[in-house]
C-alpha atoms as a PDB file:
ATOM      1  CA  MET A   1    -101.742 -35.947  16.022  1.00  0.00           C
ATOM      2  CA  ALA A   2    -103.518 -32.678  15.199  1.00  0.00           C
ATOM      3  CA  ASP A   3    -104.338 -30.130  17.898  1.00  0.00           C
ATOM      4  CA  ALA A   4    -107.836 -29.001  18.796  1.00  0.00           C
ATOM      5  CA  MET A   5    -109.089 -25.948  16.913  1.00  0.00           C
ATOM      6  CA  SER A   6    -107.815 -22.646  18.244  1.00  0.00           C
ATOM      7  CA  ILE A   7    -110.096 -19.734  19.051  1.00  0.00           C
ATOM      8  CA  THR A   8    -108.308 -17.793  16.295  1.00  0.00           C
ATOM      9  CA  TYR A   9    -109.289 -20.449  13.739  1.00  0.00           C
ATOM     10  CA  VAL A  10    -112.885 -20.465  15.019  1.00  0.00           C
ATOM     11  CA  MET A  11    -113.008 -16.654  14.793  1.00  0.00           C
ATOM     12  CA  THR A  12    -111.773 -16.760  11.198  1.00  0.00           C
ATOM     13  CA  GLN A  13    -114.535 -19.209  10.271  1.00  0.00           C
ATOM     14  CA  VAL A  14    -117.225 -17.295  12.166  1.00  0.00           C
ATOM     15  CA  LYS A  15    -116.249 -14.037  10.434  1.00  0.00           C
ATOM     16  CA  GLN A  16    -116.862 -15.721   7.083  1.00  0.00           C
ATOM     17  CA  ILE A  17    -120.309 -16.899   8.177  1.00  0.00           C
ATOM     18  CA  LEU A  18    -121.623 -13.727   9.816  1.00  0.00           C
ATOM     19  CA  PRO A  19    -123.122 -10.878   7.789  1.00  0.00           C
ATOM     20  CA  LEU A  20    -120.401  -8.386   8.704  1.00  0.00           C
ATOM     21  CA  GLY A  21    -118.752  -5.785   6.514  1.00  0.00           C
ATOM     22  CA  ASP A  22    -115.491  -4.763   8.159  1.00  0.00           C
ATOM     23  CA  THR A  23    -115.008  -7.692  10.517  1.00  0.00           C
ATOM     24  CA  ASP A  24    -111.793  -6.380  12.097  1.00  0.00           C
ATOM     25  CA  ILE A  25    -113.661  -3.732  14.107  1.00  0.00           C
ATOM     26  CA  TYR A  26    -115.483  -6.539  15.927  1.00  0.00           C
ATOM     27  CA  ASP A  27    -112.416  -8.624  16.834  1.00  0.00           C
ATOM     28  CA  ASP A  28    -112.243  -7.776  20.535  1.00  0.00           C
ATOM     29  CA  LYS A  29    -115.974  -8.253  21.053  1.00  0.00           C
ATOM     30  CA  MET A  30    -116.058 -11.436  18.960  1.00  0.00           C
ATOM     31  CA  TYR A  31    -113.135 -12.942  20.849  1.00  0.00           C
ATOM     32  CA  ILE A  32    -115.109 -12.631  24.093  1.00  0.00           C
ATOM     33  CA  LEU A  33    -118.377 -13.828  22.538  1.00  0.00           C
ATOM     34  CA  ILE A  34    -116.710 -16.810  20.859  1.00  0.00           C
ATOM     35  CA  GLY A  35    -115.045 -17.759  24.143  1.00  0.00           C
ATOM     36  CA  GLY A  36    -118.470 -17.646  25.795  1.00  0.00           C
ATOM     37  CA  ALA A  37    -120.029 -19.677  22.986  1.00  0.00           C
ATOM     38  CA  ILE A  38    -117.293 -22.325  23.293  1.00  0.00           C
ATOM     39  CA  SER A  39    -118.023 -22.523  27.010  1.00  0.00           C
ATOM     40  CA  LYS A  40    -121.765 -22.836  26.322  1.00  0.00           C
ATOM     41  CA  LEU A  41    -121.203 -25.648  23.823  1.00  0.00           C
ATOM     42  CA  ARG A  42    -119.004 -27.432  26.362  1.00  0.00           C
ATOM     43  CA  THR A  43    -121.833 -27.362  28.927  1.00  0.00           C
ATOM     44  CA  GLU A  44    -124.187 -28.660  26.227  1.00  0.00           C
ATOM     45  CA  GLY A  45    -121.956 -31.692  25.727  1.00  0.00           C
ATOM     46  CA  VAL A  46    -119.875 -30.563  22.760  1.00  0.00           C
ATOM     47  CA  ASP A  47    -116.367 -29.836  24.031  1.00  0.00           C
ATOM     48  CA  ILE A  48    -113.857 -28.301  21.613  1.00  0.00           C
ATOM     49  CA  GLU A  49    -111.202 -30.412  23.353  1.00  0.00           C
ATOM     50  CA  ALA A  50    -113.119 -33.713  23.226  1.00  0.00           C
ATOM     51  CA  LYS A  51    -110.980 -36.712  22.271  1.00  0.00           C
ATOM     52  CA  ASP A  52    -111.757 -40.145  20.889  1.00  0.00           C
ATOM     53  CA  ARG A  53    -110.592 -43.449  22.409  1.00  0.00           C
ATOM     54  CA  ASP A  54    -107.219 -43.084  20.716  1.00  0.00           C
ATOM     55  CA  GLY A  55    -106.634 -39.609  22.169  1.00  0.00           C
ATOM     56  CA  ASN A  56    -107.300 -37.724  18.912  1.00  0.00           C
ATOM     57  CA  TYR A  57    -109.241 -34.465  19.011  1.00  0.00           C
ATOM     58  CA  PHE A  58    -112.633 -34.519  17.274  1.00  0.00           C
ATOM     59  CA  PHE A  59    -112.555 -30.891  16.279  1.00  0.00           C
ATOM     60  CA  THR A  60    -109.353 -30.032  14.449  1.00  0.00           C
ATOM     61  CA  GLU A  61    -108.830 -27.451  11.758  1.00  0.00           C
ATOM     62  CA  ASP A  62    -108.835 -30.177   9.098  1.00  0.00           C
ATOM     63  CA  SER A  63    -111.804 -32.110  10.509  1.00  0.00           C
ATOM     64  CA  TYR A  64    -115.057 -32.056   8.544  1.00  0.00           C
ATOM     65  CA  MET A  65    -117.000 -31.839  11.839  1.00  0.00           C
ATOM     66  CA  SER A  66    -115.244 -28.561  12.606  1.00  0.00           C
ATOM     67  CA  PHE A  67    -117.562 -26.812  10.139  1.00  0.00           C
ATOM     68  CA  ASP A  68    -120.674 -27.788  12.106  1.00  0.00           C
ATOM     69  CA  TYR A  69    -118.923 -26.729  15.291  1.00  0.00           C
ATOM     70  CA  CYS A  70    -118.065 -23.308  13.848  1.00  0.00           C
ATOM     71  CA  ILE A  71    -121.636 -22.866  12.575  1.00  0.00           C
ATOM     72  CA  CYS A  72    -122.909 -23.492  16.110  1.00  0.00           C
ATOM     73  CA  ILE A  73    -120.486 -20.893  17.426  1.00  0.00           C
ATOM     74  CA  ALA A  74    -121.584 -18.428  14.729  1.00  0.00           C
ATOM     75  CA  TYR A  75    -125.218 -18.971  15.713  1.00  0.00           C
ATOM     76  CA  GLN A  76    -124.489 -18.096  19.331  1.00  0.00           C
ATOM     77  CA  VAL A  77    -122.452 -15.035  18.338  1.00  0.00           C
ATOM     78  CA  MET A  78    -125.328 -13.916  16.055  1.00  0.00           C
ATOM     79  CA  LYS A  79    -127.702 -14.139  18.994  1.00  0.00           C
ATOM     80  CA  ASP A  80    -125.325 -12.252  21.268  1.00  0.00           C
ATOM     81  CA  MET A  81    -124.713  -9.502  18.699  1.00  0.00           C
ATOM     82  CA  ASP A  82    -128.457  -9.281  17.949  1.00  0.00           C
ATOM     83  CA  PHE A  83    -128.260  -9.630  14.170  1.00  0.00           C
ATOM     84  CA  ASP A  84    -131.483  -9.207  12.246  1.00  0.00           C
ATOM     85  CA  VAL A  85    -131.877 -12.787  10.986  1.00  0.00           C
ATOM     86  CA  ASP A  86    -134.618 -15.406  10.999  1.00  0.00           C
ATOM     87  CA  MET A  87    -133.984 -16.717  14.516  1.00  0.00           C
ATOM     88  CA  ASN A  88    -136.511 -19.565  14.198  1.00  0.00           C
ATOM     89  CA  PHE A  89    -134.631 -20.941  11.205  1.00  0.00           C
ATOM     90  CA  MET A  90    -131.254 -20.413  12.878  1.00  0.00           C
ATOM     91  CA  THR A  91    -132.445 -22.064  16.098  1.00  0.00           C
ATOM     92  CA  GLU A  92    -133.580 -25.134  14.159  1.00  0.00           C
ATOM     93  CA  GLN A  93    -130.191 -25.304  12.436  1.00  0.00           C
ATOM     94  CA  TYR A  94    -128.384 -24.960  15.753  1.00  0.00           C
ATOM     95  CA  ILE A  95    -130.423 -27.675  17.472  1.00  0.00           C
ATOM     96  CA  THR A  96    -129.886 -30.048  14.548  1.00  0.00           C
ATOM     97  CA  ARG A  97    -126.132 -29.463  14.504  1.00  0.00           C
ATOM     98  CA  ILE A  98    -125.739 -29.766  18.279  1.00  0.00           C
ATOM     99  CA  GLY A  99    -127.555 -33.103  18.129  1.00  0.00           C
ATOM    100  CA  THR A 100    -125.340 -34.275  15.290  1.00  0.00           C
ATOM    101  CA  LEU A 101    -122.158 -33.248  17.096  1.00  0.00           C
ATOM    102  CA  ARG A 102    -123.251 -34.934  20.348  1.00  0.00           C
ATOM    103  CA  CYS A 103    -124.030 -38.170  18.504  1.00  0.00           C
ATOM    104  CA  TYR A 104    -120.699 -38.004  16.679  1.00  0.00           C
ATOM    105  CA  ILE A 105    -118.784 -37.588  19.938  1.00  0.00           C
ATOM    106  CA  SER A 106    -120.786 -40.309  21.651  1.00  0.00           C
ATOM    107  CA  MET A 107    -120.238 -42.820  18.851  1.00  0.00           C
ATOM    108  CA  LYS A 108    -116.504 -42.129  18.630  1.00  0.00           C
ATOM    109  CA  GLN A 109    -115.961 -42.399  22.384  1.00  0.00           C
ATOM    110  CA  ARG A 110    -117.421 -45.902  22.600  1.00  0.00           C
END
């Protein structure tokens, strides 16, 4: 059984998504912001440690749903770091992905 995604894995994915040059200078700040974003997603019903009926994690490093999860985290980090992006577009993408992830978890837990 695969483990849930680690914050290090999520940070690696988020760094690839965000428009950053030298990403290493942001590591300490991003670690805190990603932790906060994971907590926010958990309160919104998308827990990084959610499991299906068989006890398997939904969000593992080899799970296709992990990409949507990491995109949601990247969105929150973008907001927190105040990047100059089209926030209306990003908000729509975030809302769509959160809905998809909630439905996925709900269906798998039945």
